[in-house]
Amino acid sequence: MQAQAEGLAQCLAAMSGGAVVAGASYSSRLGKLLPPKLAATLGLYRLDISSARAPNIVIGCGMAAQAAVLAVKKKYRAYTVYIQRPSGSVPAFDAIVAPQHDYYNKTPPQNLICTLGAVGKINPSLLATRRSQARQRFGDAQCMIAVLIGGDNRAYRMETHLLIEQLKKIVALTNAKLLITLSRRSANTMMTDLQQHFGDGHYLWDGNGENPYIDILAAADGYCITADSVNMISEASASGRAVYLLPLVVKAGARAQRAQHKFNHFHQALRARGNIRLWEGEWEFFSAPALEETKHAAQQVWQRYLHTRNNCDEK
C-alpha cells in the first residue's frame, strides 16, 4: 500500500516539479475504532510532516490512512487523494484512485479516477533502465521467465503440487531460466518444495538480503503469475512483455464468488487489452502495450487539482 502511494506521489512530483514529502501517521487507540472522518474531526489521527511548507496534495492508501489524509485536509486545506475504494464517506476525498474492478457492481462516485490495474512505483522506464544490469545479476541466460507467486485469498486456494507441474511444463517448452519470488501470502513450506524441483539452474529468492523483485521484473523476457495478485499482474504488465496467469483452485461459497467476480473483471480487462493470457499449456513470447496506470492516474489528479485551485483563486 505504501508503494502505491509513493509511486503516485513520485509521478506527480516529476510531472509538476514538486517534491515528495514523507509523513508518519499516528493515532490513539480510539481513533482506530471510529469512522475515519469522525476520528479526523476529533483530532485523534494526525500526520507528522517533515517539511516547513504545508502540502498541496496529500495521498493515502489503505484503511489506516483514511483518517490521516482527512486530518491533513482539515489542517492545511490540502487536495486529498485516496487510493483504493474507501470505506465511509466517499465525498470527503477530493479524488479517489481505484481500479475499475473495485466498482464493477457499484455506481462509481463522481470523484473517481478509474484505472485498469494497481498504481505503484513500477513503470516501463524503470524496467528498461535496469534491464541490462538486472540480466547480468541473474547470469544473463538466453531466456528468463519471472515467476511471481502469491497465495491463498478469499477467491483462490493455492495447490503447490499443481503449481510445480505447471512450471515444469513451461521450462520444458521454453528452456528458460526461472526467476522465482514469493509473496507474504505464500505458504511457509512453498520455498522448500520449489527448491527441491528448481534448485539447479534457476533463481529462487529465499527472503534473505536485498529484495530483487524489481530486477526480476526488469530481467525477464516473460512472466507467469498466480491469478490471485492484482499488484503483481499490474507491475509485470508495465513491461509490455508476455504475461501468463497460472490458474488456481477456485474456492466455494458466496463470499468467494464475490471475490472471484472482481478478479474475473480485472483479468478480462487486461486480456482484452492484450497484456495477459491464461496459461493453457502453450507459450508464446508475445508483446502488448505497456500498462502505465500510475502515469495516467497522476495526469488526471494533476488536472483536477489545477482546476480546483483555479476555481478557489477566482472566488
C-alpha atoms as a PDB file:
ATOM      1  CA  MET A   1       0.000   0.000   0.000  1.00  0.00           C
ATOM      2  CA  GLN A   2       2.840   2.376   0.812  1.00  0.00           C
ATOM      3  CA  ALA A   3       4.419   1.631  -2.563  1.00  0.00           C
ATOM      4  CA  GLN A   4       1.193   2.620  -4.324  1.00  0.00           C
ATOM      5  CA  ALA A   5       1.025   5.983  -2.546  1.00  0.00           C
ATOM      6  CA  GLU A   6       4.734   6.653  -3.066  1.00  0.00           C
ATOM      7  CA  GLY A   7       4.552   5.674  -6.727  1.00  0.00           C
ATOM      8  CA  LEU A   8       1.699   8.074  -7.432  1.00  0.00           C
ATOM      9  CA  ALA A   9       3.412  10.824  -5.420  1.00  0.00           C
ATOM     10  CA  GLN A  10       6.697  10.421  -7.302  1.00  0.00           C
ATOM     11  CA  CYS A  11       4.916  10.526 -10.649  1.00  0.00           C
ATOM     12  CA  LEU A  12       3.027  13.670  -9.625  1.00  0.00           C
ATOM     13  CA  ALA A  13       6.221  15.323  -8.403  1.00  0.00           C
ATOM     14  CA  ALA A  14       8.012  14.601 -11.678  1.00  0.00           C
ATOM     15  CA  MET A  15       5.069  15.983 -13.613  1.00  0.00           C
ATOM     16  CA  SER A  16       4.587  19.148 -11.553  1.00  0.00           C
ATOM     17  CA  GLY A  17       8.143  19.955 -10.487  1.00  0.00           C
ATOM     18  CA  GLY A  18       7.219  19.473  -6.851  1.00  0.00           C
ATOM     19  CA  ALA A  19       8.762  17.338  -4.139  1.00  0.00           C
ATOM     20  CA  VAL A  20       7.604  14.239  -2.299  1.00  0.00           C
ATOM     21  CA  VAL A  21       7.453  14.718   1.468  1.00  0.00           C
ATOM     22  CA  ALA A  22       7.120  11.614   3.609  1.00  0.00           C
ATOM     23  CA  GLY A  23       4.815  11.720   6.610  1.00  0.00           C
ATOM     24  CA  ALA A  24       4.360   9.380   9.544  1.00  0.00           C
ATOM     25  CA  SER A  25       0.807   8.811  10.737  1.00  0.00           C
ATOM     26  CA  TYR A  26      -0.188   8.033  14.291  1.00  0.00           C
ATOM     27  CA  SER A  27      -3.400   7.705  16.211  1.00  0.00           C
ATOM     28  CA  SER A  28      -4.883   6.921  19.560  1.00  0.00           C
ATOM     29  CA  ARG A  29      -6.459   3.519  20.093  1.00  0.00           C
ATOM     30  CA  LEU A  30      -9.858   5.198  19.996  1.00  0.00           C
ATOM     31  CA  GLY A  31      -9.036   6.794  16.662  1.00  0.00           C
ATOM     32  CA  LYS A  32      -8.658   3.362  15.078  1.00  0.00           C
ATOM     33  CA  LEU A  33     -12.124   2.331  16.225  1.00  0.00           C
ATOM     34  CA  LEU A  34     -14.047   5.354  14.957  1.00  0.00           C
ATOM     35  CA  PRO A  35     -15.073   6.186  11.379  1.00  0.00           C
ATOM     36  CA  PRO A  36     -12.167   7.984   9.610  1.00  0.00           C
ATOM     37  CA  LYS A  37     -13.965  11.332   9.179  1.00  0.00           C
ATOM     38  CA  LEU A  38     -15.003  11.447  12.860  1.00  0.00           C
ATOM     39  CA  ALA A  39     -11.509  10.457  14.013  1.00  0.00           C
ATOM     40  CA  ALA A  40     -10.020  13.262  11.925  1.00  0.00           C
ATOM     41  CA  THR A  41     -12.565  15.797  13.207  1.00  0.00           C
ATOM     42  CA  LEU A  42     -11.770  14.896  16.812  1.00  0.00           C
ATOM     43  CA  GLY A  43      -8.032  15.156  16.157  1.00  0.00           C
ATOM     44  CA  LEU A  44      -7.423  11.529  17.085  1.00  0.00           C
ATOM     45  CA  TYR A  45      -5.437  10.825  13.936  1.00  0.00           C
ATOM     46  CA  ARG A  46      -2.697  13.149  12.770  1.00  0.00           C
ATOM     47  CA  LEU A  47       0.263  13.219  10.415  1.00  0.00           C
ATOM     48  CA  ASP A  48       3.776  14.364  11.226  1.00  0.00           C
ATOM     49  CA  ILE A  49       5.065  16.134   8.130  1.00  0.00           C
ATOM     50  CA  SER A  50       8.806  16.705   7.879  1.00  0.00           C
ATOM     51  CA  SER A  51       8.620  19.905   5.850  1.00  0.00           C
ATOM     52  CA  ALA A  52       8.383  23.609   6.548  1.00  0.00           C
ATOM     53  CA  ARG A  53       5.850  24.000   3.729  1.00  0.00           C
ATOM     54  CA  ALA A  54       2.272  22.886   4.020  1.00  0.00           C
ATOM     55  CA  PRO A  55       1.465  20.143   1.490  1.00  0.00           C
ATOM     56  CA  ASN A  56      -0.580  20.985  -1.588  1.00  0.00           C
ATOM     57  CA  ILE A  57      -1.586  17.385  -2.268  1.00  0.00           C
ATOM     58  CA  VAL A  58      -1.739  14.536   0.236  1.00  0.00           C
ATOM     59  CA  ILE A  59      -2.030  10.901  -0.862  1.00  0.00           C
ATOM     60  CA  GLY A  60      -3.048   7.936   1.256  1.00  0.00           C
ATOM     61  CA  CYS A  61      -3.626   4.252   0.626  1.00  0.00           C
ATOM     62  CA  GLY A  62      -5.271   1.657   2.854  1.00  0.00           C
ATOM     63  CA  MET A  63      -7.915   1.961   5.539  1.00  0.00           C
ATOM     64  CA  ALA A  64      -5.458   3.089   8.215  1.00  0.00           C
ATOM     65  CA  ALA A  65      -4.538   6.138   6.103  1.00  0.00           C
ATOM     66  CA  GLN A  66      -8.050   7.472   5.619  1.00  0.00           C
ATOM     67  CA  ALA A  67      -8.274   9.452   8.837  1.00  0.00           C
ATOM     68  CA  ALA A  68      -4.732  10.788   8.464  1.00  0.00           C
ATOM     69  CA  VAL A  69      -5.481  12.092   4.970  1.00  0.00           C
ATOM     70  CA  LEU A  70      -8.664  13.806   6.146  1.00  0.00           C
ATOM     71  CA  ALA A  71      -6.805  15.318   9.110  1.00  0.00           C
ATOM     72  CA  VAL A  72      -4.265  16.896   6.748  1.00  0.00           C
ATOM     73  CA  LYS A  73      -7.101  18.202   4.580  1.00  0.00           C
ATOM     74  CA  LYS A  74      -8.682  19.866   7.593  1.00  0.00           C
ATOM     75  CA  LYS A  75      -5.441  21.415   8.879  1.00  0.00           C
ATOM     76  CA  TYR A  76      -3.779  22.510   5.621  1.00  0.00           C
ATOM     77  CA  ARG A  77      -6.723  22.587   3.182  1.00  0.00           C
ATOM     78  CA  ALA A  78      -4.713  20.207   1.044  1.00  0.00           C
ATOM     79  CA  TYR A  79      -6.088  18.446  -2.005  1.00  0.00           C
ATOM     80  CA  THR A  80      -6.709  14.860  -0.899  1.00  0.00           C
ATOM     81  CA  VAL A  81      -6.218  11.710  -2.939  1.00  0.00           C
ATOM     82  CA  TYR A  82      -7.151   8.279  -1.655  1.00  0.00           C
ATOM     83  CA  ILE A  83      -6.027   5.076  -3.401  1.00  0.00           C
ATOM     84  CA  GLN A  84      -8.417   2.085  -3.395  1.00  0.00           C
ATOM     85  CA  ARG A  85     -12.114   2.098  -2.644  1.00  0.00           C
ATOM     86  CA  PRO A  86     -12.586   3.858   0.718  1.00  0.00           C
ATOM     87  CA  SER A  87     -14.928   2.925   3.494  1.00  0.00           C
ATOM     88  CA  GLY A  88     -17.247   5.574   4.876  1.00  0.00           C
ATOM     89  CA  SER A  89     -17.743   8.996   3.327  1.00  0.00           C
ATOM     90  CA  VAL A  90     -16.561   8.945  -0.279  1.00  0.00           C
ATOM     91  CA  PRO A  91     -17.145  12.708  -0.970  1.00  0.00           C
ATOM     92  CA  ALA A  92     -14.728  13.584   1.857  1.00  0.00           C
ATOM     93  CA  PHE A  93     -11.813  12.988  -0.533  1.00  0.00           C
ATOM     94  CA  ASP A  94     -11.157  15.260  -3.494  1.00  0.00           C
ATOM     95  CA  ALA A  95     -10.150  12.318  -5.676  1.00  0.00           C
ATOM     96  CA  ILE A  96     -10.264   8.544  -5.377  1.00  0.00           C
ATOM     97  CA  VAL A  97      -7.869   6.440  -7.464  1.00  0.00           C
ATOM     98  CA  ALA A  98      -9.155   2.879  -7.714  1.00  0.00           C
ATOM     99  CA  PRO A  99      -9.179   0.038 -10.245  1.00  0.00           C
ATOM    100  CA  GLN A 100     -12.401  -0.404 -12.158  1.00  0.00           C
ATOM    101  CA  HIS A 101     -12.996  -3.889 -10.736  1.00  0.00           C
ATOM    102  CA  ASP A 102     -13.490  -2.307  -7.288  1.00  0.00           C
ATOM    103  CA  TYR A 103     -16.687  -0.757  -8.660  1.00  0.00           C
ATOM    104  CA  TYR A 104     -17.771  -3.496 -11.060  1.00  0.00           C
ATOM    105  CA  ASN A 105     -21.169  -3.835  -9.296  1.00  0.00           C
ATOM    106  CA  LYS A 106     -21.403  -0.339  -7.797  1.00  0.00           C
ATOM    107  CA  THR A 107     -22.172   3.133  -9.084  1.00  0.00           C
ATOM    108  CA  PRO A 108     -18.817   4.931  -9.382  1.00  0.00           C
ATOM    109  CA  PRO A 109     -18.577   8.231  -7.457  1.00  0.00           C
ATOM    110  CA  GLN A 110     -18.008  11.498  -9.312  1.00  0.00           C
ATOM    111  CA  ASN A 111     -14.571  11.946  -7.738  1.00  0.00           C
ATOM    112  CA  LEU A 112     -13.326   8.562  -9.001  1.00  0.00           C
ATOM    113  CA  ILE A 113     -10.238   8.281 -11.196  1.00  0.00           C
ATOM    114  CA  CYS A 114     -10.586   4.799 -12.623  1.00  0.00           C
ATOM    115  CA  THR A 115      -7.615   2.589 -13.512  1.00  0.00           C
ATOM    116  CA  LEU A 116      -7.356  -0.852 -15.100  1.00  0.00           C
ATOM    117  CA  GLY A 117      -4.904  -2.138 -12.504  1.00  0.00           C
ATOM    118  CA  ALA A 118      -2.980  -1.053  -9.448  1.00  0.00           C
ATOM    119  CA  VAL A 119      -0.809   2.073  -9.329  1.00  0.00           C
ATOM    120  CA  GLY A 120       2.725   1.882  -7.945  1.00  0.00           C
ATOM    121  CA  LYS A 121       6.425   2.500  -8.478  1.00  0.00           C
ATOM    122  CA  ILE A 122       6.945   0.103 -11.393  1.00  0.00           C
ATOM    123  CA  ASN A 123       6.861   1.739 -14.838  1.00  0.00           C
ATOM    124  CA  PRO A 124       8.230   0.983 -18.328  1.00  0.00           C
ATOM    125  CA  SER A 125      11.092   3.472 -17.994  1.00  0.00           C
ATOM    126  CA  LEU A 126      12.301   1.968 -14.711  1.00  0.00           C
ATOM    127  CA  LEU A 127      12.251  -1.571 -16.116  1.00  0.00           C
ATOM    128  CA  ALA A 128      14.079  -0.528 -19.300  1.00  0.00           C
ATOM    129  CA  THR A 129      16.760   1.361 -17.358  1.00  0.00           C
ATOM    130  CA  ARG A 130      17.511  -1.601 -15.082  1.00  0.00           C
ATOM    131  CA  ARG A 131      17.184  -4.375 -17.648  1.00  0.00           C
ATOM    132  CA  SER A 132      20.832  -4.802 -18.688  1.00  0.00           C
ATOM    133  CA  GLN A 133      22.214  -4.769 -15.137  1.00  0.00           C
ATOM    134  CA  ALA A 134      19.408  -6.992 -13.902  1.00  0.00           C
ATOM    135  CA  ARG A 135      20.086  -9.654 -16.539  1.00  0.00           C
ATOM    136  CA  GLN A 136      23.742  -9.730 -15.542  1.00  0.00           C
ATOM    137  CA  ARG A 137      22.697 -10.182 -11.914  1.00  0.00           C
ATOM    138  CA  PHE A 138      20.884 -13.418 -12.777  1.00  0.00           C
ATOM    139  CA  GLY A 139      23.515 -14.810 -15.133  1.00  0.00           C
ATOM    140  CA  ASP A 140      22.209 -13.307 -18.382  1.00  0.00           C
ATOM    141  CA  ALA A 141      20.708 -16.588 -19.596  1.00  0.00           C
ATOM    142  CA  GLN A 142      19.368 -16.621 -23.139  1.00  0.00           C
ATOM    143  CA  CYS A 143      15.806 -16.764 -21.877  1.00  0.00           C
ATOM    144  CA  MET A 144      14.486 -15.833 -18.419  1.00  0.00           C
ATOM    145  CA  ILE A 145      10.925 -16.064 -17.131  1.00  0.00           C
ATOM    146  CA  ALA A 146       9.837 -14.387 -13.906  1.00  0.00           C
ATOM    147  CA  VAL A 147       7.604 -16.488 -11.666  1.00  0.00           C
ATOM    148  CA  LEU A 148       5.617 -14.328  -9.227  1.00  0.00           C
ATOM    149  CA  ILE A 149       3.765 -16.423  -6.662  1.00  0.00           C
ATOM    150  CA  GLY A 150       1.050 -15.237  -4.304  1.00  0.00           C
ATOM    151  CA  GLY A 151      -1.054 -17.412  -2.047  1.00  0.00           C
ATOM    152  CA  ASP A 152      -4.480 -18.175  -0.665  1.00  0.00           C
ATOM    153  CA  ASN A 153      -7.035 -15.366  -0.556  1.00  0.00           C
ATOM    154  CA  ARG A 154     -10.824 -15.034  -0.455  1.00  0.00           C
ATOM    155  CA  ALA A 155     -11.236 -16.248  -4.029  1.00  0.00           C
ATOM    156  CA  TYR A 156      -8.497 -18.831  -4.580  1.00  0.00           C
ATOM    157  CA  ARG A 157      -6.610 -21.663  -2.946  1.00  0.00           C
ATOM    158  CA  MET A 158      -3.001 -22.425  -3.837  1.00  0.00           C
ATOM    159  CA  GLU A 159      -2.054 -26.057  -4.532  1.00  0.00           C
ATOM    160  CA  THR A 160       1.735 -26.277  -4.593  1.00  0.00           C
ATOM    161  CA  HIS A 161       1.924 -29.572  -6.477  1.00  0.00           C
ATOM    162  CA  LEU A 162      -0.208 -28.160  -9.302  1.00  0.00           C
ATOM    163  CA  LEU A 163       1.955 -25.040  -9.481  1.00  0.00           C
ATOM    164  CA  ILE A 164       5.133 -27.134  -9.702  1.00  0.00           C
ATOM    165  CA  GLU A 165       3.710 -29.198 -12.563  1.00  0.00           C
ATOM    166  CA  GLN A 166       2.754 -26.022 -14.435  1.00  0.00           C
ATOM    167  CA  LEU A 167       6.263 -24.597 -14.047  1.00  0.00           C
ATOM    168  CA  LYS A 168       7.895 -27.846 -15.212  1.00  0.00           C
ATOM    169  CA  LYS A 169       5.828 -27.715 -18.418  1.00  0.00           C
ATOM    170  CA  ILE A 170       6.814 -24.088 -19.000  1.00  0.00           C
ATOM    171  CA  VAL A 171      10.520 -24.919 -18.596  1.00  0.00           C
ATOM    172  CA  ALA A 172      10.148 -27.853 -20.996  1.00  0.00           C
ATOM    173  CA  LEU A 173       8.505 -25.604 -23.604  1.00  0.00           C
ATOM    174  CA  THR A 174      10.829 -22.614 -23.330  1.00  0.00           C
ATOM    175  CA  ASN A 175      14.102 -23.959 -21.870  1.00  0.00           C
ATOM    176  CA  ALA A 176      14.037 -20.797 -19.765  1.00  0.00           C
ATOM    177  CA  LYS A 177      15.730 -19.971 -16.509  1.00  0.00           C
ATOM    178  CA  LEU A 178      13.064 -19.266 -13.905  1.00  0.00           C
ATOM    179  CA  LEU A 179      13.391 -16.265 -11.605  1.00  0.00           C
ATOM    180  CA  ILE A 180      11.096 -17.181  -8.718  1.00  0.00           C
ATOM    181  CA  THR A 181       9.889 -14.959  -5.904  1.00  0.00           C
ATOM    182  CA  LEU A 182       7.141 -15.479  -3.344  1.00  0.00           C
ATOM    183  CA  SER A 183       4.814 -13.042  -1.605  1.00  0.00           C
ATOM    184  CA  ARG A 184       3.879 -12.621   2.039  1.00  0.00           C
ATOM    185  CA  ARG A 185       0.769 -14.719   1.403  1.00  0.00           C
ATOM    186  CA  SER A 186       2.732 -17.719   0.131  1.00  0.00           C
ATOM    187  CA  ALA A 187       2.712 -20.839   2.318  1.00  0.00           C
ATOM    188  CA  ASN A 188       5.742 -21.272   4.595  1.00  0.00           C
ATOM    189  CA  THR A 189       6.555 -24.662   3.050  1.00  0.00           C
ATOM    190  CA  MET A 190       6.415 -23.485  -0.564  1.00  0.00           C
ATOM    191  CA  MET A 191      10.041 -22.346  -0.827  1.00  0.00           C
ATOM    192  CA  THR A 192      11.308 -25.754   0.324  1.00  0.00           C
ATOM    193  CA  ASP A 193       9.053 -27.520  -2.190  1.00  0.00           C
ATOM    194  CA  LEU A 194      10.194 -25.269  -5.030  1.00  0.00           C
ATOM    195  CA  GLN A 195      13.866 -25.677  -4.162  1.00  0.00           C
ATOM    196  CA  GLN A 196      13.541 -29.434  -4.484  1.00  0.00           C
ATOM    197  CA  HIS A 197      12.401 -29.092  -8.096  1.00  0.00           C
ATOM    198  CA  PHE A 198      14.029 -25.861  -9.293  1.00  0.00           C
ATOM    199  CA  GLY A 199      17.127 -25.548  -7.130  1.00  0.00           C
ATOM    200  CA  ASP A 200      19.569 -26.101 -10.005  1.00  0.00           C
ATOM    201  CA  GLY A 201      19.762 -23.773 -12.993  1.00  0.00           C
ATOM    202  CA  HIS A 202      17.088 -21.408 -11.695  1.00  0.00           C
ATOM    203  CA  TYR A 203      16.924 -18.486  -9.258  1.00  0.00           C
ATOM    204  CA  LEU A 204      14.772 -18.557  -6.134  1.00  0.00           C
ATOM    205  CA  TRP A 205      14.789 -15.663  -3.699  1.00  0.00           C
ATOM    206  CA  ASP A 206      14.622 -17.081  -0.187  1.00  0.00           C
ATOM    207  CA  GLY A 207      13.806 -13.803   1.543  1.00  0.00           C
ATOM    208  CA  ASN A 208      17.372 -13.054   2.647  1.00  0.00           C
ATOM    209  CA  GLY A 209      19.256  -9.930   1.586  1.00  0.00           C
ATOM    210  CA  GLU A 210      18.042  -7.133  -0.647  1.00  0.00           C
ATOM    211  CA  ASN A 211      14.708  -7.822  -2.320  1.00  0.00           C
ATOM    212  CA  PRO A 212      15.421  -8.473  -6.028  1.00  0.00           C
ATOM    213  CA  TYR A 213      11.802  -8.003  -7.108  1.00  0.00           C
ATOM    214  CA  ILE A 214      12.359  -5.014  -9.417  1.00  0.00           C
ATOM    215  CA  ASP A 215      15.374  -6.669 -11.037  1.00  0.00           C
ATOM    216  CA  ILE A 216      13.361  -9.852 -11.575  1.00  0.00           C
ATOM    217  CA  LEU A 217      10.720  -7.804 -13.377  1.00  0.00           C
ATOM    218  CA  ALA A 218      13.346  -5.936 -15.398  1.00  0.00           C
ATOM    219  CA  ALA A 219      15.364  -9.006 -16.428  1.00  0.00           C
ATOM    220  CA  ALA A 220      12.508 -11.252 -17.509  1.00  0.00           C
ATOM    221  CA  ASP A 221      11.555 -11.995 -21.107  1.00  0.00           C
ATOM    222  CA  GLY A 222       8.134 -13.128 -19.928  1.00  0.00           C
ATOM    223  CA  TYR A 223       6.154 -13.675 -16.760  1.00  0.00           C
ATOM    224  CA  CYS A 224       3.955 -16.316 -15.193  1.00  0.00           C
ATOM    225  CA  ILE A 225       1.959 -15.109 -12.225  1.00  0.00           C
ATOM    226  CA  THR A 226      -0.564 -16.768  -9.974  1.00  0.00           C
ATOM    227  CA  ALA A 227      -4.005 -15.305 -10.640  1.00  0.00           C
ATOM    228  CA  ASP A 228      -4.537 -14.008  -7.098  1.00  0.00           C
ATOM    229  CA  SER A 229      -2.458 -10.794  -7.204  1.00  0.00           C
ATOM    230  CA  VAL A 230      -3.673  -7.566  -8.814  1.00  0.00           C
ATOM    231  CA  ASN A 231      -0.436  -5.760  -7.908  1.00  0.00           C
ATOM    232  CA  MET A 232       1.985  -8.296  -9.392  1.00  0.00           C
ATOM    233  CA  ILE A 233      -0.050  -8.680 -12.582  1.00  0.00           C
ATOM    234  CA  SER A 234      -0.230  -4.891 -12.988  1.00  0.00           C
ATOM    235  CA  GLU A 235       3.508  -4.465 -12.386  1.00  0.00           C
ATOM    236  CA  ALA A 236       4.511  -7.186 -14.854  1.00  0.00           C
ATOM    237  CA  SER A 237       2.149  -5.689 -17.446  1.00  0.00           C
ATOM    238  CA  ALA A 238       4.171  -2.454 -17.281  1.00  0.00           C
ATOM    239  CA  SER A 239       6.895  -4.299 -19.220  1.00  0.00           C
ATOM    240  CA  GLY A 240       4.856  -4.793 -22.388  1.00  0.00           C
ATOM    241  CA  ARG A 241       6.100  -8.402 -22.493  1.00  0.00           C
ATOM    242  CA  ALA A 242       4.229 -11.699 -22.246  1.00  0.00           C
ATOM    243  CA  VAL A 243       2.297 -12.252 -19.007  1.00  0.00           C
ATOM    244  CA  TYR A 244       0.619 -15.590 -18.343  1.00  0.00           C
ATOM    245  CA  LEU A 245      -1.769 -16.240 -15.469  1.00  0.00           C
ATOM    246  CA  LEU A 246      -1.358 -19.524 -13.625  1.00  0.00           C
ATOM    247  CA  PRO A 247      -4.856 -20.743 -12.713  1.00  0.00           C
ATOM    248  CA  LEU A 248      -5.586 -21.585  -9.081  1.00  0.00           C
ATOM    249  CA  VAL A 249      -8.220 -23.677  -7.338  1.00  0.00           C
ATOM    250  CA  VAL A 250     -11.434 -21.666  -7.075  1.00  0.00           C
ATOM    251  CA  LYS A 251     -12.986 -21.643  -3.607  1.00  0.00           C
ATOM    252  CA  ALA A 252     -16.657 -22.324  -2.986  1.00  0.00           C
ATOM    253  CA  GLY A 253     -19.179 -20.148  -1.154  1.00  0.00           C
ATOM    254  CA  ALA A 254     -20.910 -16.803  -1.672  1.00  0.00           C
ATOM    255  CA  ARG A 255     -18.058 -14.744  -0.229  1.00  0.00           C
ATOM    256  CA  ALA A 256     -15.533 -16.457  -2.515  1.00  0.00           C
ATOM    257  CA  GLN A 257     -17.773 -15.943  -5.538  1.00  0.00           C
ATOM    258  CA  ARG A 258     -17.977 -12.194  -4.889  1.00  0.00           C
ATOM    259  CA  ALA A 259     -14.184 -12.009  -4.727  1.00  0.00           C
ATOM    260  CA  GLN A 260     -13.880 -14.094  -7.898  1.00  0.00           C
ATOM    261  CA  HIS A 261     -16.149 -11.695  -9.782  1.00  0.00           C
ATOM    262  CA  LYS A 262     -13.730  -8.844  -9.003  1.00  0.00           C
ATOM    263  CA  PHE A 263     -10.705 -10.847 -10.139  1.00  0.00           C
ATOM    264  CA  ASN A 264     -12.507 -12.027 -13.284  1.00  0.00           C
ATOM    265  CA  HIS A 265     -13.394  -8.418 -14.129  1.00  0.00           C
ATOM    266  CA  PHE A 266      -9.743  -7.393 -13.715  1.00  0.00           C
ATOM    267  CA  HIS A 267      -8.381 -10.354 -15.693  1.00  0.00           C
ATOM    268  CA  GLN A 268     -10.845  -9.839 -18.536  1.00  0.00           C
ATOM    269  CA  ALA A 269      -9.942  -6.145 -18.842  1.00  0.00           C
ATOM    270  CA  LEU A 270      -6.241  -6.904 -19.260  1.00  0.00           C
ATOM    271  CA  ARG A 271      -6.906  -9.860 -21.555  1.00  0.00           C
ATOM    272  CA  ALA A 272      -8.987  -7.587 -23.804  1.00  0.00           C
ATOM    273  CA  ARG A 273      -6.103  -5.119 -23.871  1.00  0.00           C
ATOM    274  CA  GLY A 274      -3.681  -7.892 -24.837  1.00  0.00           C
ATOM    275  CA  ASN A 275      -1.492  -7.709 -21.735  1.00  0.00           C
ATOM    276  CA  ILE A 276      -2.222 -11.117 -20.231  1.00  0.00           C
ATOM    277  CA  ARG A 277      -3.222 -14.614 -21.274  1.00  0.00           C
ATOM    278  CA  LEU A 278      -4.393 -17.588 -19.285  1.00  0.00           C
ATOM    279  CA  TRP A 279      -1.834 -20.394 -19.156  1.00  0.00           C
ATOM    280  CA  GLU A 280      -3.401 -23.300 -21.043  1.00  0.00           C
ATOM    281  CA  GLY A 281      -0.360 -25.419 -21.832  1.00  0.00           C
ATOM    282  CA  GLU A 282       1.319 -23.360 -24.554  1.00  0.00           C
ATOM    283  CA  TRP A 283       3.776 -20.457 -24.503  1.00  0.00           C
ATOM    284  CA  GLU A 284       4.377 -17.537 -26.836  1.00  0.00           C
ATOM    285  CA  PHE A 285       6.633 -14.550 -26.157  1.00  0.00           C
ATOM    286  CA  PHE A 286       4.010 -12.038 -27.233  1.00  0.00           C
ATOM    287  CA  SER A 287       4.144  -8.276 -26.757  1.00  0.00           C
ATOM    288  CA  ALA A 288       1.464  -5.792 -25.696  1.00  0.00           C
ATOM    289  CA  PRO A 289       1.106  -2.074 -24.929  1.00  0.00           C
ATOM    290  CA  ALA A 290       2.819  -1.359 -21.626  1.00  0.00           C
ATOM    291  CA  LEU A 291       0.430  -0.673 -18.767  1.00  0.00           C
ATOM    292  CA  GLU A 292       1.064   2.824 -17.347  1.00  0.00           C
ATOM    293  CA  GLU A 293      -1.757   3.276 -14.864  1.00  0.00           C
ATOM    294  CA  THR A 294       0.268   5.376 -12.410  1.00  0.00           C
ATOM    295  CA  LYS A 295       1.137   7.899 -15.113  1.00  0.00           C
ATOM    296  CA  HIS A 296      -2.455   8.115 -16.316  1.00  0.00           C
ATOM    297  CA  ALA A 297      -3.786   8.496 -12.772  1.00  0.00           C
ATOM    298  CA  ALA A 298      -1.207  11.180 -11.961  1.00  0.00           C
ATOM    299  CA  GLN A 299      -2.166  13.179 -15.064  1.00  0.00           C
ATOM    300  CA  GLN A 300      -5.815  13.169 -14.042  1.00  0.00           C
ATOM    301  CA  VAL A 301      -5.045  14.048 -10.407  1.00  0.00           C
ATOM    302  CA  TRP A 302      -2.901  16.973 -11.537  1.00  0.00           C
ATOM    303  CA  GLN A 303      -5.563  18.284 -13.938  1.00  0.00           C
ATOM    304  CA  ARG A 304      -8.270  18.065 -11.272  1.00  0.00           C
ATOM    305  CA  TYR A 305      -6.022  19.701  -8.676  1.00  0.00           C
ATOM    306  CA  LEU A 306      -5.281  22.638 -11.006  1.00  0.00           C
ATOM    307  CA  HIS A 307      -8.966  23.003 -11.806  1.00  0.00           C
ATOM    308  CA  THR A 308      -9.856  23.053  -8.101  1.00  0.00           C
ATOM    309  CA  ARG A 309      -7.080  25.533  -7.294  1.00  0.00           C
ATOM    310  CA  ASN A 310      -8.070  27.868 -10.129  1.00  0.00           C
ATOM    311  CA  ASN A 311     -11.686  27.834  -9.007  1.00  0.00           C
ATOM    312  CA  CYS A 312     -10.620  28.708  -5.456  1.00  0.00           C
ATOM    313  CA  ASP A 313      -8.423  31.571  -6.721  1.00  0.00           C
ATOM    314  CA  GLU A 314     -11.352  33.055  -8.627  1.00  0.00           C
ATOM    315  CA  LYS A 315     -13.572  33.194  -5.542  1.00  0.00           C
END
